[in-house]
Amino acid sequence: MTGLAVRAESWPIRGRFAISRGAKTHAEVVVVELDDDGAQGWGECVPYARYGETRDSAIEQIESLRQDIQQGMDRVQLQRALPPGAARNALDCAFWDLQAKRMLRRVWELLELPSIQPLNTAYTLSLDSPENMYKAALENADRPLLKLKLDGQGDLERVRSVRKGAPNARLIVDANEGWNVDTYQGMVPELLDLGVEMIEQPLPAAEDRALRSMHRPIPICADESCHGIESLSRLVDRYDMINIKLDKTGGLTEALELRRAAEAEGLQIMVGCMLATSLAMAPATLVAQGAAIVDLDGPLLLEKDREPGLRFEQSRVFPPRRELWG
């Protein structure tokens, strides 16, 4: 009989993290542990209010499957039992970890994938005044890729300030649905001049149909518009790239399927994260192998990470140790 434990955790963020929809000071996560005959697997998710999720609702979804899990539910059955989202992500990743521990193999071996390699992750600069974003850019000027959170008001000055503070870094920007068509069209020429390489979710997901007919000299990446495989058909003619996050796909299982399907459609791949600990990042490192953009910097933004955590050297993230996950 498989045992289930589920709990909420709160991890302080270093300072304050702001995007176009608001700011937070803590990463609020849900952790699942599965125990079967001495083998333990675990996973972590971040319920996200933008998608109607809370920690309580995620825990309720997970608890609703307690009897099924105890009676032998497996990872394949889980895909039908819960929709894509945070709750299924935590369980899916815990099932993968449990299987790896039972079989004394690594998850990438179970998937018949090549051994995973270190990755260079973007480092996110929280939405702030141009002056404060300039200071943050100066402090992180040696990182190879900076991601700027924007909101539509004063954004060009923010990007100019970051470029001044980090003249050699590659830049990508994330509007988190904070722009409209006029904002986008007015900003793109200067963003090109400033060397911005990608724009993430410029328009609200409900209004992104407009992207079909818009000139896209800078690749546009779907984030809030991209969830599981069912969302892919709506994205192909609107975006150049998709941001795969396990909390949206509902776990590693569907994230890998979504990546294969998206690449078959000619879309580039970004693999991103919510604000969370290394336990949430570890499964995503499998999906991120060879991705055009990797954004798995969640632990770098916390006051402290869980132990054991992923090993980071500046912006380079190394494969998870067995003690952490997989």
C-alpha atoms as a PDB file:
ATOM      1  CA  MET A   1       0.000   0.000   0.000  1.00  0.00           C
ATOM      2  CA  THR A   2       1.410   3.394  -1.025  1.00  0.00           C
ATOM      3  CA  GLY A   3       1.380   6.019   1.698  1.00  0.00           C
ATOM      4  CA  LEU A   4       0.648   9.676   0.950  1.00  0.00           C
ATOM      5  CA  ALA A   5       1.721  12.765   2.862  1.00  0.00           C
ATOM      6  CA  VAL A   6       0.990  16.305   1.682  1.00  0.00           C
ATOM      7  CA  ARG A   7       1.882  19.634   3.262  1.00  0.00           C
ATOM      8  CA  ALA A   8       2.095  23.352   2.545  1.00  0.00           C
ATOM      9  CA  GLU A   9       5.389  25.196   2.907  1.00  0.00           C
ATOM     10  CA  SER A  10       6.371  28.873   2.743  1.00  0.00           C
ATOM     11  CA  TRP A  11       9.868  29.938   1.646  1.00  0.00           C
ATOM     12  CA  PRO A  12      10.982  33.571   2.096  1.00  0.00           C
ATOM     13  CA  ILE A  13      12.056  35.386  -1.060  1.00  0.00           C
ATOM     14  CA  ARG A  14      15.195  37.488  -1.036  1.00  0.00           C
ATOM     15  CA  GLY A  15      13.608  40.909  -0.829  1.00  0.00           C
ATOM     16  CA  ARG A  16      10.432  41.293  -2.847  1.00  0.00           C
ATOM     17  CA  PHE A  17       9.488  39.806  -6.211  1.00  0.00           C
ATOM     18  CA  ALA A  18       7.126  41.801  -8.427  1.00  0.00           C
ATOM     19  CA  ILE A  19       5.496  41.227 -11.811  1.00  0.00           C
ATOM     20  CA  SER A  20       2.697  43.065 -13.630  1.00  0.00           C
ATOM     21  CA  ARG A  21       0.004  41.337 -11.500  1.00  0.00           C
ATOM     22  CA  GLY A  22       1.493  42.115  -8.096  1.00  0.00           C
ATOM     23  CA  ALA A  23       4.296  41.342  -5.675  1.00  0.00           C
ATOM     24  CA  LYS A  24       5.135  38.604  -3.174  1.00  0.00           C
ATOM     25  CA  THR A  25       7.603  38.053  -0.365  1.00  0.00           C
ATOM     26  CA  HIS A  26       7.238  34.262   0.007  1.00  0.00           C
ATOM     27  CA  ALA A  27       7.128  31.273  -2.316  1.00  0.00           C
ATOM     28  CA  GLU A  28       4.069  29.272  -1.300  1.00  0.00           C
ATOM     29  CA  VAL A  29       4.455  25.624  -2.295  1.00  0.00           C
ATOM     30  CA  VAL A  30       2.813  22.243  -1.740  1.00  0.00           C
ATOM     31  CA  VAL A  31       4.960  19.162  -1.203  1.00  0.00           C
ATOM     32  CA  VAL A  32       3.821  15.575  -1.784  1.00  0.00           C
ATOM     33  CA  GLU A  33       5.566  12.474  -0.431  1.00  0.00           C
ATOM     34  CA  LEU A  34       4.761   8.935  -1.564  1.00  0.00           C
ATOM     35  CA  ASP A  35       6.036   5.964   0.442  1.00  0.00           C
ATOM     36  CA  ASP A  36       5.945   2.378  -0.760  1.00  0.00           C
ATOM     37  CA  ASP A  37       7.719  -0.439   1.035  1.00  0.00           C
ATOM     38  CA  GLY A  38      10.495   1.841   2.235  1.00  0.00           C
ATOM     39  CA  ALA A  39      11.004   3.688  -1.050  1.00  0.00           C
ATOM     40  CA  GLN A  40      10.074   7.370  -0.984  1.00  0.00           C
ATOM     41  CA  GLY A  41       9.324   9.754  -3.821  1.00  0.00           C
ATOM     42  CA  TRP A  42       8.462  13.395  -3.598  1.00  0.00           C
ATOM     43  CA  GLY A  43       7.435  16.368  -5.664  1.00  0.00           C
ATOM     44  CA  GLU A  44       6.691  20.060  -5.260  1.00  0.00           C
ATOM     45  CA  CYS A  45       4.193  22.371  -6.912  1.00  0.00           C
ATOM     46  CA  VAL A  46       3.209  26.037  -6.828  1.00  0.00           C
ATOM     47  CA  PRO A  47      -0.557  26.635  -6.969  1.00  0.00           C
ATOM     48  CA  TYR A  48      -1.070  29.818  -8.956  1.00  0.00           C
ATOM     49  CA  ALA A  49      -3.911  32.291  -8.412  1.00  0.00           C
ATOM     50  CA  ARG A  50      -3.823  33.336 -12.099  1.00  0.00           C
ATOM     51  CA  TYR A  51      -5.195  29.870 -12.890  1.00  0.00           C
ATOM     52  CA  GLY A  52      -7.684  29.737 -10.018  1.00  0.00           C
ATOM     53  CA  GLU A  53      -5.443  27.678  -7.746  1.00  0.00           C
ATOM     54  CA  THR A  54      -4.604  28.026  -4.048  1.00  0.00           C
ATOM     55  CA  ARG A  55      -2.553  25.865  -1.731  1.00  0.00           C
ATOM     56  CA  ASP A  56      -5.783  24.689  -0.081  1.00  0.00           C
ATOM     57  CA  SER A  57      -7.397  23.761  -3.403  1.00  0.00           C
ATOM     58  CA  ALA A  58      -4.286  21.871  -4.522  1.00  0.00           C
ATOM     59  CA  ILE A  59      -4.110  19.957  -1.261  1.00  0.00           C
ATOM     60  CA  GLU A  60      -7.820  19.156  -1.563  1.00  0.00           C
ATOM     61  CA  GLN A  61      -7.286  17.764  -5.074  1.00  0.00           C
ATOM     62  CA  ILE A  62      -4.380  15.635  -3.899  1.00  0.00           C
ATOM     63  CA  GLU A  63      -6.243  14.382  -0.831  1.00  0.00           C
ATOM     64  CA  SER A  64      -9.208  13.396  -3.006  1.00  0.00           C
ATOM     65  CA  LEU A  65      -6.973  10.694  -4.498  1.00  0.00           C
ATOM     66  CA  ARG A  66      -5.655   9.318  -1.200  1.00  0.00           C
ATOM     67  CA  GLN A  67      -7.724   6.136  -1.320  1.00  0.00           C
ATOM     68  CA  ASP A  68      -6.936   5.573  -5.004  1.00  0.00           C
ATOM     69  CA  ILE A  69      -3.217   6.005  -4.353  1.00  0.00           C
ATOM     70  CA  GLN A  70      -3.322   3.639  -1.387  1.00  0.00           C
ATOM     71  CA  GLN A  71      -5.088   1.090  -3.571  1.00  0.00           C
ATOM     72  CA  GLY A  72      -2.454   1.201  -6.279  1.00  0.00           C
ATOM     73  CA  MET A  73      -3.090   4.201  -8.542  1.00  0.00           C
ATOM     74  CA  ASP A  74      -0.060   4.743 -10.763  1.00  0.00           C
ATOM     75  CA  ARG A  75       1.319   7.659 -12.729  1.00  0.00           C
ATOM     76  CA  VAL A  76      -0.537   6.693 -15.930  1.00  0.00           C
ATOM     77  CA  GLN A  77      -3.888   6.591 -14.131  1.00  0.00           C
ATOM     78  CA  LEU A  78      -3.093   9.921 -12.498  1.00  0.00           C
ATOM     79  CA  GLN A  79      -3.095  11.650 -15.896  1.00  0.00           C
ATOM     80  CA  ARG A  80      -6.807  10.836 -16.235  1.00  0.00           C
ATOM     81  CA  ALA A  81      -7.714  11.472 -12.616  1.00  0.00           C
ATOM     82  CA  LEU A  82      -6.642  15.127 -12.441  1.00  0.00           C
ATOM     83  CA  PRO A  83      -6.472  17.915 -15.036  1.00  0.00           C
ATOM     84  CA  PRO A  84      -3.197  19.664 -15.866  1.00  0.00           C
ATOM     85  CA  GLY A  85      -2.217  21.918 -12.995  1.00  0.00           C
ATOM     86  CA  ALA A  86      -0.199  22.232  -9.831  1.00  0.00           C
ATOM     87  CA  ALA A  87      -1.759  19.352  -7.879  1.00  0.00           C
ATOM     88  CA  ARG A  88      -1.128  16.808 -10.621  1.00  0.00           C
ATOM     89  CA  ASN A  89       2.405  18.143 -11.057  1.00  0.00           C
ATOM     90  CA  ALA A  90       3.406  17.393  -7.469  1.00  0.00           C
ATOM     91  CA  LEU A  91       1.947  13.885  -7.664  1.00  0.00           C
ATOM     92  CA  ASP A  92       3.345  13.137 -11.120  1.00  0.00           C
ATOM     93  CA  CYS A  93       6.865  14.136 -10.099  1.00  0.00           C
ATOM     94  CA  ALA A  94       6.554  12.155  -6.868  1.00  0.00           C
ATOM     95  CA  PHE A  95       5.505   9.063  -8.845  1.00  0.00           C
ATOM     96  CA  TRP A  96       8.536   9.433 -11.115  1.00  0.00           C
ATOM     97  CA  ASP A  97      10.839   9.833  -8.111  1.00  0.00           C
ATOM     98  CA  LEU A  98       9.274   6.825  -6.381  1.00  0.00           C
ATOM     99  CA  GLN A  99       9.723   4.657  -9.460  1.00  0.00           C
ATOM    100  CA  ALA A 100      13.373   5.696  -9.752  1.00  0.00           C
ATOM    101  CA  LYS A 101      14.000   4.904  -6.082  1.00  0.00           C
ATOM    102  CA  ARG A 102      12.293   1.515  -6.356  1.00  0.00           C
ATOM    103  CA  MET A 103      14.318   0.553  -9.427  1.00  0.00           C
ATOM    104  CA  LEU A 104      17.604   2.131  -8.270  1.00  0.00           C
ATOM    105  CA  ARG A 105      17.848   4.069 -11.515  1.00  0.00           C
ATOM    106  CA  ARG A 106      17.651   7.730 -12.485  1.00  0.00           C
ATOM    107  CA  VAL A 107      14.475   9.116 -14.052  1.00  0.00           C
ATOM    108  CA  TRP A 108      16.244   9.986 -17.303  1.00  0.00           C
ATOM    109  CA  GLU A 109      17.327   6.347 -17.531  1.00  0.00           C
ATOM    110  CA  LEU A 110      13.724   5.219 -17.093  1.00  0.00           C
ATOM    111  CA  LEU A 111      12.788   7.589 -19.921  1.00  0.00           C
ATOM    112  CA  GLU A 112      15.690   6.299 -22.051  1.00  0.00           C
ATOM    113  CA  LEU A 113      17.048   9.820 -22.343  1.00  0.00           C
ATOM    114  CA  PRO A 114      20.761  10.686 -22.535  1.00  0.00           C
ATOM    115  CA  SER A 115      22.432  11.594 -19.256  1.00  0.00           C
ATOM    116  CA  ILE A 116      21.381  15.123 -18.455  1.00  0.00           C
ATOM    117  CA  GLN A 117      23.923  17.927 -18.586  1.00  0.00           C
ATOM    118  CA  PRO A 118      24.390  21.233 -16.733  1.00  0.00           C
ATOM    119  CA  LEU A 119      22.310  24.137 -18.018  1.00  0.00           C
ATOM    120  CA  ASN A 120      22.686  27.912 -18.122  1.00  0.00           C
ATOM    121  CA  THR A 121      19.597  29.492 -16.623  1.00  0.00           C
ATOM    122  CA  ALA A 122      18.240  32.973 -17.077  1.00  0.00           C
ATOM    123  CA  TYR A 123      18.283  35.159 -13.976  1.00  0.00           C
ATOM    124  CA  THR A 124      15.145  37.212 -13.381  1.00  0.00           C
ATOM    125  CA  LEU A 125      15.132  40.886 -12.453  1.00  0.00           C
ATOM    126  CA  SER A 126      11.937  41.723 -10.596  1.00  0.00           C
ATOM    127  CA  LEU A 127       9.711  44.565 -11.821  1.00  0.00           C
ATOM    128  CA  ASP A 128      10.920  47.771 -10.214  1.00  0.00           C
ATOM    129  CA  SER A 129      11.873  51.355 -10.963  1.00  0.00           C
ATOM    130  CA  PRO A 130      14.449  51.903 -13.723  1.00  0.00           C
ATOM    131  CA  GLU A 131      16.930  52.995 -11.071  1.00  0.00           C
ATOM    132  CA  ASN A 132      16.519  49.843  -8.996  1.00  0.00           C
ATOM    133  CA  MET A 133      16.571  47.594 -12.043  1.00  0.00           C
ATOM    134  CA  TYR A 134      19.815  49.290 -13.100  1.00  0.00           C
ATOM    135  CA  LYS A 135      21.301  48.454  -9.698  1.00  0.00           C
ATOM    136  CA  ALA A 136      20.098  44.859  -9.983  1.00  0.00           C
ATOM    137  CA  ALA A 137      21.606  44.631 -13.462  1.00  0.00           C
ATOM    138  CA  LEU A 138      24.950  45.929 -12.181  1.00  0.00           C
ATOM    139  CA  GLU A 139      24.945  43.286  -9.442  1.00  0.00           C
ATOM    140  CA  ASN A 140      24.248  40.546 -11.988  1.00  0.00           C
ATOM    141  CA  ALA A 141      26.104  41.895 -15.011  1.00  0.00           C
ATOM    142  CA  ASP A 142      28.287  38.787 -15.225  1.00  0.00           C
ATOM    143  CA  ARG A 143      25.325  36.480 -15.725  1.00  0.00           C
ATOM    144  CA  PRO A 144      24.940  35.413 -19.373  1.00  0.00           C
ATOM    145  CA  LEU A 145      21.144  35.865 -19.617  1.00  0.00           C
ATOM    146  CA  LEU A 146      18.891  38.294 -17.762  1.00  0.00           C
ATOM    147  CA  LYS A 147      15.111  38.181 -17.810  1.00  0.00           C
ATOM    148  CA  LEU A 148      13.313  41.468 -17.118  1.00  0.00           C
ATOM    149  CA  LYS A 149       9.836  41.630 -15.642  1.00  0.00           C
ATOM    150  CA  LEU A 150       7.844  44.469 -17.270  1.00  0.00           C
ATOM    151  CA  ASP A 151       4.301  45.848 -17.031  1.00  0.00           C
ATOM    152  CA  GLY A 152       3.684  48.328 -19.871  1.00  0.00           C
ATOM    153  CA  GLN A 153       4.336  51.579 -18.026  1.00  0.00           C
ATOM    154  CA  GLY A 154       7.861  52.964 -18.350  1.00  0.00           C
ATOM    155  CA  ASP A 155       9.194  49.709 -19.733  1.00  0.00           C
ATOM    156  CA  LEU A 156      11.562  51.173 -22.301  1.00  0.00           C
ATOM    157  CA  GLU A 157      13.358  53.105 -19.590  1.00  0.00           C
ATOM    158  CA  ARG A 158      13.641  49.919 -17.551  1.00  0.00           C
ATOM    159  CA  VAL A 159      15.197  48.035 -20.461  1.00  0.00           C
ATOM    160  CA  ARG A 160      17.565  50.900 -21.238  1.00  0.00           C
ATOM    161  CA  SER A 161      18.650  50.961 -17.591  1.00  0.00           C
ATOM    162  CA  VAL A 162      19.290  47.229 -17.493  1.00  0.00           C
ATOM    163  CA  ARG A 163      21.218  47.362 -20.762  1.00  0.00           C
ATOM    164  CA  LYS A 164      23.369  50.137 -19.292  1.00  0.00           C
ATOM    165  CA  GLY A 165      23.990  48.109 -16.140  1.00  0.00           C
ATOM    166  CA  ALA A 166      24.697  44.834 -17.954  1.00  0.00           C
ATOM    167  CA  PRO A 167      26.010  45.764 -21.412  1.00  0.00           C
ATOM    168  CA  ASN A 168      27.235  42.267 -22.263  1.00  0.00           C
ATOM    169  CA  ALA A 169      24.316  40.167 -21.008  1.00  0.00           C
ATOM    170  CA  ARG A 170      21.715  38.666 -23.292  1.00  0.00           C
ATOM    171  CA  LEU A 171      18.270  40.103 -22.492  1.00  0.00           C
ATOM    172  CA  ILE A 172      14.763  38.676 -22.640  1.00  0.00           C
ATOM    173  CA  VAL A 173      11.643  40.426 -21.356  1.00  0.00           C
ATOM    174  CA  ASP A 174       8.414  39.189 -19.794  1.00  0.00           C
ATOM    175  CA  ALA A 175       5.317  41.393 -19.788  1.00  0.00           C
ATOM    176  CA  ASN A 176       3.096  38.839 -17.985  1.00  0.00           C
ATOM    177  CA  GLU A 177       0.091  39.934 -20.114  1.00  0.00           C
ATOM    178  CA  GLY A 178       0.713  43.587 -19.212  1.00  0.00           C
ATOM    179  CA  TRP A 179       0.837  45.104 -22.711  1.00  0.00           C
ATOM    180  CA  ASN A 180      -1.685  45.842 -25.419  1.00  0.00           C
ATOM    181  CA  VAL A 181      -1.209  45.881 -29.183  1.00  0.00           C
ATOM    182  CA  ASP A 182      -0.205  49.556 -29.289  1.00  0.00           C
ATOM    183  CA  THR A 183       2.339  49.077 -26.499  1.00  0.00           C
ATOM    184  CA  TYR A 184       3.865  46.131 -28.305  1.00  0.00           C
ATOM    185  CA  GLN A 185       4.105  47.870 -31.657  1.00  0.00           C
ATOM    186  CA  GLY A 186       5.549  51.010 -30.109  1.00  0.00           C
ATOM    187  CA  MET A 187       8.232  49.174 -28.167  1.00  0.00           C
ATOM    188  CA  VAL A 188       9.520  46.541 -30.574  1.00  0.00           C
ATOM    189  CA  PRO A 189      11.787  48.796 -32.700  1.00  0.00           C
ATOM    190  CA  GLU A 190      13.698  50.054 -29.668  1.00  0.00           C
ATOM    191  CA  LEU A 191      13.762  46.628 -28.031  1.00  0.00           C
ATOM    192  CA  LEU A 192      15.469  45.405 -31.195  1.00  0.00           C
ATOM    193  CA  ASP A 193      18.048  48.178 -30.896  1.00  0.00           C
ATOM    194  CA  LEU A 194      18.638  47.247 -27.260  1.00  0.00           C
ATOM    195  CA  GLY A 195      19.336  43.647 -28.222  1.00  0.00           C
ATOM    196  CA  VAL A 196      16.277  42.029 -26.639  1.00  0.00           C
ATOM    197  CA  GLU A 197      16.111  38.445 -27.930  1.00  0.00           C
ATOM    198  CA  MET A 198      12.635  37.337 -26.846  1.00  0.00           C
ATOM    199  CA  ILE A 199       9.346  38.799 -25.594  1.00  0.00           C
ATOM    200  CA  GLU A 200       7.313  36.600 -23.266  1.00  0.00           C
ATOM    201  CA  GLN A 201       3.499  36.855 -23.190  1.00  0.00           C
ATOM    202  CA  PRO A 202       3.064  40.500 -24.236  1.00  0.00           C
ATOM    203  CA  LEU A 203      -0.749  40.358 -24.545  1.00  0.00           C
ATOM    204  CA  PRO A 204      -3.397  38.874 -22.251  1.00  0.00           C
ATOM    205  CA  ALA A 205      -4.050  35.228 -23.097  1.00  0.00           C
ATOM    206  CA  ALA A 206      -7.663  36.052 -23.956  1.00  0.00           C
ATOM    207  CA  GLU A 207      -6.507  38.629 -26.514  1.00  0.00           C
ATOM    208  CA  ASP A 208      -3.524  36.913 -28.114  1.00  0.00           C
ATOM    209  CA  ARG A 209      -5.379  36.186 -31.360  1.00  0.00           C
ATOM    210  CA  ALA A 210      -4.077  39.607 -32.461  1.00  0.00           C
ATOM    211  CA  LEU A 211      -0.569  38.150 -32.650  1.00  0.00           C
ATOM    212  CA  ARG A 212      -1.541  36.186 -35.770  1.00  0.00           C
ATOM    213  CA  SER A 213      -1.338  39.257 -37.964  1.00  0.00           C
ATOM    214  CA  MET A 214       1.385  41.170 -36.160  1.00  0.00           C
ATOM    215  CA  HIS A 215       4.978  41.551 -37.314  1.00  0.00           C
ATOM    216  CA  ARG A 216       7.215  39.593 -34.928  1.00  0.00           C
ATOM    217  CA  PRO A 217      10.861  40.567 -35.559  1.00  0.00           C
ATOM    218  CA  ILE A 218      11.624  39.488 -31.979  1.00  0.00           C
ATOM    219  CA  PRO A 219      10.403  35.951 -31.167  1.00  0.00           C
ATOM    220  CA  ILE A 220       7.321  35.901 -28.963  1.00  0.00           C
ATOM    221  CA  CYS A 221       6.909  33.207 -26.321  1.00  0.00           C
ATOM    222  CA  ALA A 222       3.607  31.931 -24.926  1.00  0.00           C
ATOM    223  CA  ASP A 223       3.459  31.579 -21.152  1.00  0.00           C
ATOM    224  CA  GLU A 224       0.019  32.248 -19.681  1.00  0.00           C
ATOM    225  CA  SER A 225      -1.446  31.081 -23.011  1.00  0.00           C
ATOM    226  CA  CYS A 226       0.396  27.748 -22.839  1.00  0.00           C
ATOM    227  CA  HIS A 227      -0.713  24.948 -20.531  1.00  0.00           C
ATOM    228  CA  GLY A 228      -0.929  21.299 -21.544  1.00  0.00           C
ATOM    229  CA  ILE A 229      -0.983  19.638 -24.930  1.00  0.00           C
ATOM    230  CA  GLU A 230      -4.595  20.704 -25.490  1.00  0.00           C
ATOM    231  CA  SER A 231      -3.478  24.358 -25.664  1.00  0.00           C
ATOM    232  CA  LEU A 232      -0.901  23.787 -28.400  1.00  0.00           C
ATOM    233  CA  SER A 233      -3.182  24.008 -31.431  1.00  0.00           C
ATOM    234  CA  ARG A 234      -4.159  27.581 -30.457  1.00  0.00           C
ATOM    235  CA  LEU A 235      -0.543  28.716 -30.215  1.00  0.00           C
ATOM    236  CA  VAL A 236       1.075  27.610 -33.452  1.00  0.00           C
ATOM    237  CA  ASP A 237       0.151  30.648 -35.567  1.00  0.00           C
ATOM    238  CA  ARG A 238       0.418  33.173 -32.715  1.00  0.00           C
ATOM    239  CA  TYR A 239       3.771  32.430 -31.119  1.00  0.00           C
ATOM    240  CA  ASP A 240       7.313  31.483 -32.054  1.00  0.00           C
ATOM    241  CA  MET A 241       8.148  29.753 -28.767  1.00  0.00           C
ATOM    242  CA  ILE A 242       6.341  28.233 -25.786  1.00  0.00           C
ATOM    243  CA  ASN A 243       7.273  28.322 -22.116  1.00  0.00           C
ATOM    244  CA  ILE A 244       6.794  24.853 -20.652  1.00  0.00           C
ATOM    245  CA  LYS A 245       6.197  24.925 -16.902  1.00  0.00           C
ATOM    246  CA  LEU A 246       5.445  21.708 -15.054  1.00  0.00           C
ATOM    247  CA  ASP A 247       2.879  23.429 -12.844  1.00  0.00           C
ATOM    248  CA  LYS A 248       0.869  24.191 -16.000  1.00  0.00           C
ATOM    249  CA  THR A 249       1.336  20.874 -17.815  1.00  0.00           C
ATOM    250  CA  GLY A 250       0.523  18.931 -14.672  1.00  0.00           C
ATOM    251  CA  GLY A 251       3.889  17.274 -14.345  1.00  0.00           C
ATOM    252  CA  LEU A 252       6.905  15.861 -16.093  1.00  0.00           C
ATOM    253  CA  THR A 253       4.887  13.301 -18.051  1.00  0.00           C
ATOM    254  CA  GLU A 254       2.882  15.807 -20.068  1.00  0.00           C
ATOM    255  CA  ALA A 255       5.701  18.355 -20.185  1.00  0.00           C
ATOM    256  CA  LEU A 256       7.826  15.918 -22.174  1.00  0.00           C
ATOM    257  CA  GLU A 257       4.910  15.135 -24.482  1.00  0.00           C
ATOM    258  CA  LEU A 258       4.217  18.842 -24.985  1.00  0.00           C
ATOM    259  CA  ARG A 259       7.827  19.509 -25.879  1.00  0.00           C
ATOM    260  CA  ARG A 260       7.853  16.784 -28.525  1.00  0.00           C
ATOM    261  CA  ALA A 261       4.570  17.998 -30.005  1.00  0.00           C
ATOM    262  CA  ALA A 262       5.640  21.664 -30.011  1.00  0.00           C
ATOM    263  CA  GLU A 263       8.940  20.921 -31.705  1.00  0.00           C
ATOM    264  CA  ALA A 264       7.076  18.939 -34.356  1.00  0.00           C
ATOM    265  CA  GLU A 265       5.073  22.128 -35.034  1.00  0.00           C
ATOM    266  CA  GLY A 266       8.262  24.150 -35.452  1.00  0.00           C
ATOM    267  CA  LEU A 267       8.023  26.030 -32.162  1.00  0.00           C
ATOM    268  CA  GLN A 268      11.109  26.809 -30.090  1.00  0.00           C
ATOM    269  CA  ILE A 269      11.208  25.695 -26.471  1.00  0.00           C
ATOM    270  CA  MET A 270      11.643  27.636 -23.273  1.00  0.00           C
ATOM    271  CA  VAL A 271      11.452  25.777 -19.963  1.00  0.00           C
ATOM    272  CA  GLY A 272      10.443  27.959 -17.043  1.00  0.00           C
ATOM    273  CA  CYS A 273       9.387  27.786 -13.424  1.00  0.00           C
ATOM    274  CA  MET A 274       7.325  29.343 -10.696  1.00  0.00           C
ATOM    275  CA  LEU A 275       9.013  30.701  -7.573  1.00  0.00           C
ATOM    276  CA  ALA A 276       9.893  27.515  -5.725  1.00  0.00           C
ATOM    277  CA  THR A 277      12.727  25.423  -4.322  1.00  0.00           C
ATOM    278  CA  SER A 278      15.113  23.034  -6.034  1.00  0.00           C
ATOM    279  CA  LEU A 279      12.629  20.198  -5.603  1.00  0.00           C
ATOM    280  CA  ALA A 280      10.338  21.878  -8.138  1.00  0.00           C
ATOM    281  CA  MET A 281      13.230  22.684 -10.513  1.00  0.00           C
ATOM    282  CA  ALA A 282      14.791  19.209 -10.551  1.00  0.00           C
ATOM    283  CA  PRO A 283      12.248  17.470 -12.854  1.00  0.00           C
ATOM    284  CA  ALA A 284      12.258  20.482 -15.188  1.00  0.00           C
ATOM    285  CA  THR A 285      15.984  20.038 -15.819  1.00  0.00           C
ATOM    286  CA  LEU A 286      15.074  16.933 -17.854  1.00  0.00           C
ATOM    287  CA  VAL A 287      12.655  18.872 -20.063  1.00  0.00           C
ATOM    288  CA  ALA A 288      15.142  21.741 -20.417  1.00  0.00           C
ATOM    289  CA  GLN A 289      17.935  19.729 -22.037  1.00  0.00           C
ATOM    290  CA  GLY A 290      18.719  21.459 -25.341  1.00  0.00           C
ATOM    291  CA  ALA A 291      15.967  24.074 -24.913  1.00  0.00           C
ATOM    292  CA  ALA A 292      16.480  27.462 -26.569  1.00  0.00           C
ATOM    293  CA  ILE A 293      15.929  29.252 -23.238  1.00  0.00           C
ATOM    294  CA  VAL A 294      16.160  27.821 -19.731  1.00  0.00           C
ATOM    295  CA  ASP A 295      14.598  29.775 -16.861  1.00  0.00           C
ATOM    296  CA  LEU A 296      14.995  27.671 -13.717  1.00  0.00           C
ATOM    297  CA  ASP A 297      16.276  30.317 -11.341  1.00  0.00           C
ATOM    298  CA  GLY A 298      13.606  29.956  -8.645  1.00  0.00           C
ATOM    299  CA  PRO A 299      16.015  28.850  -5.884  1.00  0.00           C
ATOM    300  CA  LEU A 300      18.371  31.741  -6.668  1.00  0.00           C
ATOM    301  CA  LEU A 301      15.596  34.180  -5.757  1.00  0.00           C
ATOM    302  CA  LEU A 302      14.949  32.666  -2.305  1.00  0.00           C
ATOM    303  CA  GLU A 303      16.647  33.614   0.962  1.00  0.00           C
ATOM    304  CA  LYS A 304      17.605  29.952   1.248  1.00  0.00           C
ATOM    305  CA  ASP A 305      16.886  26.750  -0.656  1.00  0.00           C
ATOM    306  CA  ARG A 306      15.942  23.364   0.730  1.00  0.00           C
ATOM    307  CA  GLU A 307      18.715  20.871   1.521  1.00  0.00           C
ATOM    308  CA  PRO A 308      19.835  19.027  -0.418  1.00  0.00           C
ATOM    309  CA  GLY A 309      19.222  21.412  -3.299  1.00  0.00           C
ATOM    310  CA  LEU A 310      20.411  21.808  -6.829  1.00  0.00           C
ATOM    311  CA  ARG A 311      23.986  22.912  -7.280  1.00  0.00           C
ATOM    312  CA  PHE A 312      24.261  26.356  -8.861  1.00  0.00           C
ATOM    313  CA  GLU A 313      27.476  28.003  -9.971  1.00  0.00           C
ATOM    314  CA  GLN A 314      26.511  31.579 -10.858  1.00  0.00           C
ATOM    315  CA  SER A 315      23.832  30.909 -13.509  1.00  0.00           C
ATOM    316  CA  ARG A 316      24.878  27.332 -14.230  1.00  0.00           C
ATOM    317  CA  VAL A 317      22.593  24.664 -12.760  1.00  0.00           C
ATOM    318  CA  PHE A 318      23.748  21.081 -12.417  1.00  0.00           C
ATOM    319  CA  PRO A 319      21.719  17.846 -12.606  1.00  0.00           C
ATOM    320  CA  PRO A 320      19.868  16.858  -9.420  1.00  0.00           C
ATOM    321  CA  ARG A 321      21.540  14.494  -7.024  1.00  0.00           C
ATOM    322  CA  ARG A 322      19.647  11.314  -6.195  1.00  0.00           C
ATOM    323  CA  GLU A 323      19.070  12.617  -2.658  1.00  0.00           C
ATOM    324  CA  LEU A 324      17.056  15.531  -4.019  1.00  0.00           C
ATOM    325  CA  TRP A 325      14.957  13.925  -6.746  1.00  0.00           C
ATOM    326  CA  GLY A 326      14.976  11.370  -9.528  1.00  0.00           C
END
